[in-house]
């Protein structure tokens, strides 16, 4: 991570989020809240495989992940699309 020097890190799933944020809380509690790893902002969110196991394209968790991704886009100064596609 130090070599790459990212502006932000998106931690996908519980294990990576817990490690980077030194947290014991589960992903459902820490997702969507900014944390920090060695001075780099970290946004924890659900792992894509978790979404697939919990409804896939119809999963209500997709909205939560999209909200997290929008926070990342805003933080990095990138434009936020009006919607996430597929009419959602």
N, C-alpha and C. Protein backbone atom coordinates (compact mmCIF):
# COMPACT_ATOMS: atom_id res chain seq x y z
N UNK A 1 0.84 -1.19 0.00
CA UNK A 1 0.00 0.00 0.00
C UNK A 1 0.88 1.25 0.00
N UNK A 2 1.95 1.21 0.76
CA UNK A 2 2.84 2.36 0.84
C UNK A 2 3.46 2.68 -0.52
N UNK A 3 3.82 1.65 -1.27
CA UNK A 3 4.44 1.85 -2.59
C UNK A 3 3.44 2.45 -3.57
N UNK A 4 2.22 1.96 -3.54
CA UNK A 4 1.18 2.43 -4.47
C UNK A 4 0.70 3.83 -4.10
N UNK A 5 0.67 4.12 -2.82
CA UNK A 5 0.23 5.42 -2.30
C UNK A 5 -1.14 5.84 -2.83
N UNK A 6 -2.18 5.03 -2.55
CA UNK A 6 -3.51 5.38 -3.03
C UNK A 6 -4.08 6.60 -2.31
N UNK A 7 -4.99 7.31 -2.99
CA UNK A 7 -5.68 8.43 -2.34
C UNK A 7 -6.73 7.92 -1.38
N UNK A 8 -7.36 6.80 -1.73
CA UNK A 8 -8.33 6.13 -0.85
C UNK A 8 -8.20 4.63 -1.06
N UNK A 9 -8.71 3.89 -0.10
CA UNK A 9 -8.79 2.43 -0.19
C UNK A 9 -10.25 2.05 0.00
N UNK A 10 -10.75 1.19 -0.87
CA UNK A 10 -12.08 0.62 -0.70
C UNK A 10 -11.86 -0.81 -0.20
N UNK A 11 -12.21 -1.06 1.04
CA UNK A 11 -12.03 -2.38 1.64
C UNK A 11 -13.29 -3.20 1.38
N UNK A 12 -13.14 -4.28 0.63
CA UNK A 12 -14.28 -5.11 0.26
C UNK A 12 -14.43 -6.28 1.23
N UNK A 13 -15.46 -6.23 2.04
CA UNK A 13 -15.76 -7.32 2.96
C UNK A 13 -15.19 -7.13 4.35
N UNK A 14 -15.63 -8.02 5.22
CA UNK A 14 -15.25 -7.94 6.62
C UNK A 14 -13.77 -8.14 6.92
N UNK A 15 -13.15 -9.20 6.41
CA UNK A 15 -11.75 -9.44 6.77
C UNK A 15 -10.82 -8.28 6.42
N UNK A 16 -10.92 -7.76 5.21
CA UNK A 16 -10.03 -6.65 4.83
C UNK A 16 -10.37 -5.39 5.61
N UNK A 17 -11.64 -5.15 5.84
CA UNK A 17 -12.06 -3.97 6.59
C UNK A 17 -11.57 -4.04 8.03
N UNK A 18 -11.75 -5.20 8.65
CA UNK A 18 -11.31 -5.37 10.04
C UNK A 18 -9.80 -5.20 10.16
N UNK A 19 -9.06 -5.77 9.21
CA UNK A 19 -7.60 -5.66 9.26
C UNK A 19 -7.15 -4.21 9.10
N UNK A 20 -7.63 -3.57 8.04
CA UNK A 20 -7.17 -2.21 7.75
C UNK A 20 -7.58 -1.21 8.83
N UNK A 21 -8.76 -1.40 9.38
CA UNK A 21 -9.28 -0.45 10.37
C UNK A 21 -9.04 -0.88 11.81
N UNK A 22 -8.40 -2.02 11.97
CA UNK A 22 -8.12 -2.56 13.31
C UNK A 22 -9.40 -2.58 14.15
N UNK A 23 -10.44 -3.13 13.54
CA UNK A 23 -11.77 -3.15 14.16
C UNK A 23 -12.20 -4.57 14.46
N UNK A 24 -12.98 -4.71 15.51
CA UNK A 24 -13.59 -6.01 15.82
C UNK A 24 -15.04 -6.06 15.37
N UNK A 25 -15.55 -4.91 14.95
CA UNK A 25 -16.95 -4.85 14.51
C UNK A 25 -17.10 -5.52 13.15
N UNK A 26 -18.29 -6.05 12.91
CA UNK A 26 -18.58 -6.67 11.63
C UNK A 26 -18.80 -5.64 10.54
N UNK A 27 -18.78 -6.12 9.31
CA UNK A 27 -18.91 -5.23 8.15
C UNK A 27 -20.24 -4.49 8.15
N UNK A 28 -21.30 -5.11 8.65
CA UNK A 28 -22.60 -4.43 8.64
C UNK A 28 -22.60 -3.20 9.55
N UNK A 29 -21.73 -3.17 10.54
CA UNK A 29 -21.64 -2.01 11.44
C UNK A 29 -20.67 -0.95 10.93
N UNK A 30 -19.60 -1.37 10.25
CA UNK A 30 -18.57 -0.39 9.87
C UNK A 30 -18.67 0.10 8.43
N UNK A 31 -19.47 -0.57 7.61
CA UNK A 31 -19.56 -0.15 6.20
C UNK A 31 -20.15 1.25 6.11
N UNK A 32 -19.65 1.99 5.13
CA UNK A 32 -20.19 3.32 4.89
C UNK A 32 -19.60 4.43 5.74
N UNK A 33 -18.73 4.07 6.68
CA UNK A 33 -18.10 5.09 7.55
C UNK A 33 -16.61 5.15 7.24
N UNK A 34 -16.11 6.33 7.01
CA UNK A 34 -14.69 6.49 6.71
C UNK A 34 -13.85 6.08 7.90
N UNK A 35 -12.75 5.39 7.60
CA UNK A 35 -11.73 5.07 8.58
C UNK A 35 -10.39 5.48 7.99
N UNK A 36 -9.32 5.02 8.60
CA UNK A 36 -8.00 5.39 8.11
C UNK A 36 -7.01 4.26 8.34
N UNK A 37 -6.13 4.07 7.37
CA UNK A 37 -5.03 3.11 7.49
C UNK A 37 -3.74 3.81 7.09
N UNK A 38 -2.85 3.98 8.03
CA UNK A 38 -1.57 4.66 7.77
C UNK A 38 -1.75 5.99 7.03
N UNK A 39 -2.75 6.75 7.45
CA UNK A 39 -2.98 8.06 6.86
C UNK A 39 -3.80 8.07 5.58
N UNK A 40 -4.22 6.89 5.12
CA UNK A 40 -5.01 6.79 3.89
C UNK A 40 -6.47 6.55 4.27
N UNK A 41 -7.41 7.33 3.74
CA UNK A 41 -8.82 7.10 4.03
C UNK A 41 -9.27 5.73 3.51
N UNK A 42 -10.06 5.04 4.32
CA UNK A 42 -10.56 3.71 3.98
C UNK A 42 -12.08 3.72 4.05
N UNK A 43 -12.72 3.25 2.97
CA UNK A 43 -14.17 3.08 2.95
C UNK A 43 -14.48 1.59 2.94
N UNK A 44 -14.99 1.05 4.05
CA UNK A 44 -15.38 -0.35 4.06
C UNK A 44 -16.77 -0.54 3.45
N UNK A 45 -16.92 -1.60 2.69
CA UNK A 45 -18.22 -1.93 2.11
C UNK A 45 -18.30 -3.44 1.93
N UNK A 46 -19.46 -3.91 1.52
CA UNK A 46 -19.66 -5.35 1.34
C UNK A 46 -18.83 -5.90 0.18
N UNK A 47 -18.43 -7.14 0.30
CA UNK A 47 -17.72 -7.83 -0.77
C UNK A 47 -18.74 -8.21 -1.85
N UNK A 48 -18.35 -8.14 -3.13
CA UNK A 48 -19.28 -8.51 -4.20
C UNK A 48 -19.88 -9.91 -4.05
N UNK A 49 -19.11 -10.86 -3.55
CA UNK A 49 -19.65 -12.22 -3.39
C UNK A 49 -20.77 -12.25 -2.35
N UNK A 50 -20.70 -11.37 -1.35
CA UNK A 50 -21.76 -11.28 -0.35
C UNK A 50 -23.05 -10.80 -1.00
N UNK A 51 -22.92 -9.83 -1.90
CA UNK A 51 -24.11 -9.35 -2.63
C UNK A 51 -24.71 -10.46 -3.47
N UNK A 52 -23.86 -11.22 -4.16
CA UNK A 52 -24.35 -12.30 -5.01
C UNK A 52 -25.07 -13.37 -4.19
N UNK A 53 -24.56 -13.66 -3.00
CA UNK A 53 -25.19 -14.66 -2.14
C UNK A 53 -26.48 -14.14 -1.51
N UNK A 54 -26.68 -12.84 -1.54
CA UNK A 54 -27.84 -12.24 -0.89
C UNK A 54 -28.73 -11.49 -1.87
N UNK A 55 -29.04 -12.12 -2.97
CA UNK A 55 -30.00 -11.56 -3.90
C UNK A 55 -29.44 -11.07 -5.22
N UNK A 56 -28.13 -11.01 -5.36
CA UNK A 56 -27.53 -10.60 -6.63
C UNK A 56 -28.02 -9.23 -7.08
N UNK A 57 -28.46 -9.15 -8.33
CA UNK A 57 -28.94 -7.88 -8.89
C UNK A 57 -30.15 -7.32 -8.15
N UNK A 58 -30.87 -8.18 -7.47
CA UNK A 58 -32.07 -7.75 -6.76
C UNK A 58 -31.80 -7.47 -5.27
N UNK A 59 -30.56 -7.60 -4.85
CA UNK A 59 -30.22 -7.42 -3.45
C UNK A 59 -30.43 -5.97 -3.00
N UNK A 60 -31.13 -5.78 -1.89
CA UNK A 60 -31.29 -4.42 -1.36
C UNK A 60 -29.95 -3.84 -0.88
N UNK A 61 -28.97 -4.70 -0.68
CA UNK A 61 -27.65 -4.24 -0.24
C UNK A 61 -26.93 -3.45 -1.32
N UNK A 62 -27.35 -3.61 -2.58
CA UNK A 62 -26.73 -2.87 -3.68
C UNK A 62 -26.81 -1.37 -3.45
N UNK A 63 -27.91 -0.90 -2.90
CA UNK A 63 -28.07 0.53 -2.63
C UNK A 63 -27.05 1.01 -1.60
N UNK A 64 -26.79 0.17 -0.60
CA UNK A 64 -25.81 0.53 0.42
C UNK A 64 -24.41 0.61 -0.18
N UNK A 65 -24.07 -0.36 -1.03
CA UNK A 65 -22.76 -0.34 -1.68
C UNK A 65 -22.65 0.88 -2.59
N UNK A 66 -23.71 1.19 -3.31
CA UNK A 66 -23.69 2.35 -4.20
C UNK A 66 -23.48 3.63 -3.39
N UNK A 67 -24.13 3.73 -2.23
CA UNK A 67 -23.95 4.90 -1.37
C UNK A 67 -22.48 5.01 -0.93
N UNK A 68 -21.87 3.87 -0.63
CA UNK A 68 -20.45 3.87 -0.23
C UNK A 68 -19.56 4.31 -1.39
N UNK A 69 -19.83 3.80 -2.58
CA UNK A 69 -19.03 4.15 -3.76
C UNK A 69 -19.19 5.64 -4.09
N UNK A 70 -20.39 6.17 -3.92
CA UNK A 70 -20.58 7.61 -4.16
C UNK A 70 -19.72 8.44 -3.21
N UNK A 71 -19.60 8.00 -1.97
CA UNK A 71 -18.75 8.71 -1.01
C UNK A 71 -17.29 8.70 -1.48
N UNK A 72 -16.86 7.57 -2.03
CA UNK A 72 -15.49 7.46 -2.54
C UNK A 72 -15.30 8.40 -3.73
N UNK A 73 -16.26 8.40 -4.65
CA UNK A 73 -16.16 9.28 -5.81
C UNK A 73 -16.09 10.75 -5.38
N UNK A 74 -16.94 11.12 -4.45
CA UNK A 74 -16.94 12.51 -3.96
C UNK A 74 -15.61 12.85 -3.30
N UNK A 75 -15.09 11.94 -2.51
CA UNK A 75 -13.82 12.17 -1.80
C UNK A 75 -12.65 12.35 -2.77
N UNK A 76 -12.71 11.64 -3.90
CA UNK A 76 -11.62 11.71 -4.88
C UNK A 76 -11.86 12.76 -5.95
N UNK A 77 -12.96 13.50 -5.84
CA UNK A 77 -13.24 14.57 -6.79
C UNK A 77 -13.73 14.09 -8.14
N UNK A 78 -14.23 12.88 -8.19
CA UNK A 78 -14.75 12.33 -9.45
C UNK A 78 -16.26 12.57 -9.52
N UNK A 79 -16.78 12.69 -10.74
CA UNK A 79 -18.23 12.91 -10.86
C UNK A 79 -19.02 11.70 -10.40
N UNK A 80 -20.15 11.98 -9.78
CA UNK A 80 -21.04 10.92 -9.32
C UNK A 80 -22.17 10.79 -10.33
N UNK A 81 -22.31 9.62 -10.97
CA UNK A 81 -23.41 9.43 -11.93
C UNK A 81 -24.76 9.64 -11.25
N UNK A 82 -25.73 10.05 -12.03
CA UNK A 82 -27.08 10.30 -11.50
C UNK A 82 -27.70 9.04 -10.92
N UNK A 83 -27.39 7.89 -11.50
CA UNK A 83 -27.87 6.62 -10.95
C UNK A 83 -26.82 5.55 -11.20
N UNK A 84 -27.04 4.38 -10.64
CA UNK A 84 -26.05 3.32 -10.76
C UNK A 84 -26.28 2.44 -11.97
N UNK A 85 -27.18 2.82 -12.85
CA UNK A 85 -27.46 1.99 -14.01
C UNK A 85 -28.64 1.08 -13.76
N UNK A 86 -29.11 0.47 -14.80
CA UNK A 86 -30.24 -0.46 -14.72
C UNK A 86 -31.45 0.15 -14.04
N UNK A 87 -31.55 1.47 -14.09
CA UNK A 87 -32.73 2.12 -13.56
C UNK A 87 -32.79 2.26 -12.06
N UNK A 88 -31.70 1.96 -11.34
CA UNK A 88 -31.72 2.06 -9.87
C UNK A 88 -31.12 3.34 -9.41
